[in-house]
Amino acid sequence: MPGDADRLGDARAATLALLDRRTPGATVCPSEVARALATDWRGAMPIVHAAIDDMLADGVVRLSWKGVVLATRDGPYRIGRVED
């Protein structure tokens, strides 16, 4: 469905924009991404999670929780940019 692809693209772009505003090594919360997309941020969380899964598979972001790197999105997580 084209709408879903657009929403995934929006979530991906919002994630990268938020990361660009952070210092190197800093992370963002997925709820920050959802809040950037919609007033009903909780309703936007499924599309954010899907976009993050895609970005993780593409090697664009890394996930962590309390300093521990996560291989997959499972439970709470923070989003960081993959360092060169």
Protein backbone atom coordinates (compact mmCIF):
# COMPACT_ATOMS: atom_id res chain seq x y z
CA MET A 1 0.00 0.00 0.00
CA PRO A 2 1.58 3.33 -1.05
CA GLY A 3 0.46 5.13 2.12
CA ASP A 4 2.45 2.73 4.27
CA ALA A 5 5.57 3.24 2.16
CA ASP A 6 5.19 7.00 2.55
CA ARG A 7 4.74 6.68 6.30
CA LEU A 8 7.81 4.43 6.54
CA GLY A 9 9.78 7.00 4.58
CA ASP A 10 8.55 9.77 6.87
CA ALA A 11 9.57 7.79 9.97
CA ARG A 12 12.95 7.04 8.47
CA ALA A 13 13.52 10.71 7.60
CA ALA A 14 12.38 11.87 11.05
CA THR A 15 14.74 9.40 12.72
CA LEU A 16 17.73 10.61 10.68
CA ALA A 17 16.81 14.28 11.26
CA LEU A 18 16.66 13.75 15.02
CA LEU A 19 19.98 11.90 14.99
CA ASP A 20 21.56 14.69 12.93
CA ARG A 21 20.71 17.13 15.73
CA ARG A 22 22.46 14.99 18.35
CA THR A 23 26.12 14.88 19.20
CA PRO A 24 28.06 11.92 17.80
CA GLY A 25 27.23 8.75 19.70
CA ALA A 26 23.99 10.14 21.14
CA THR A 27 20.72 8.26 20.75
CA VAL A 28 17.02 9.03 20.34
CA CYS A 29 13.97 7.35 21.78
CA PRO A 30 11.50 5.84 19.31
CA SER A 31 8.74 7.90 20.97
CA GLU A 32 10.65 11.07 19.93
CA VAL A 33 10.37 9.92 16.33
CA ALA A 34 6.66 9.19 16.74
CA ARG A 35 6.09 12.61 18.32
CA ALA A 36 7.79 14.24 15.33
CA LEU A 37 5.31 12.46 13.05
CA ALA A 38 1.93 12.74 14.74
CA THR A 39 -0.03 14.26 17.57
CA ASP A 40 -1.27 10.75 18.34
CA TRP A 41 2.29 9.56 18.84
CA ARG A 42 1.24 6.26 20.37
CA GLY A 43 -0.70 5.48 17.20
CA ALA A 44 2.44 6.22 15.18
CA MET A 45 4.60 3.75 17.11
CA PRO A 46 3.92 0.70 14.90
CA ILE A 47 5.13 2.54 11.79
CA VAL A 48 8.17 3.85 13.72
CA HIS A 49 9.04 0.32 14.85
CA ALA A 50 8.68 -0.96 11.27
CA ALA A 51 10.91 1.82 9.93
CA ILE A 52 13.51 1.15 12.60
CA ASP A 53 13.49 -2.57 11.76
CA ASP A 54 14.14 -1.68 8.11
CA MET A 55 16.88 0.80 9.02
CA LEU A 56 18.53 -1.75 11.29
CA ALA A 57 18.46 -4.35 8.50
CA ASP A 58 19.96 -1.76 6.13
CA GLY A 59 22.76 -1.01 8.59
CA VAL A 60 21.75 2.64 8.95
CA VAL A 61 21.09 2.60 12.70
CA ARG A 62 22.11 0.64 15.75
CA LEU A 63 19.94 -0.17 18.73
CA SER A 64 20.88 -0.21 22.38
CA TRP A 65 19.38 -0.23 25.83
CA LYS A 66 21.26 1.13 28.85
CA GLY A 67 24.52 0.96 26.91
CA VAL A 68 24.09 -2.62 25.72
CA VAL A 69 23.95 -3.09 21.93
CA LEU A 70 20.86 -4.95 20.73
CA ALA A 71 20.88 -7.16 17.64
CA THR A 72 17.11 -6.82 17.18
CA ARG A 73 14.32 -4.62 18.44
CA ASP A 74 12.86 -6.40 21.45
CA GLY A 75 11.51 -4.44 24.38
CA PRO A 76 12.72 -0.93 25.18
CA TYR A 77 15.45 0.48 22.97
CA ARG A 78 17.29 3.60 21.90
CA ILE A 79 18.28 4.44 18.34
CA GLY A 80 21.77 5.53 17.37
CA ARG A 81 23.57 6.21 14.14
CA VAL A 82 26.05 3.60 12.97
CA GLU A 83 29.48 5.09 13.49
CA ASP A 84 31.89 5.04 10.55
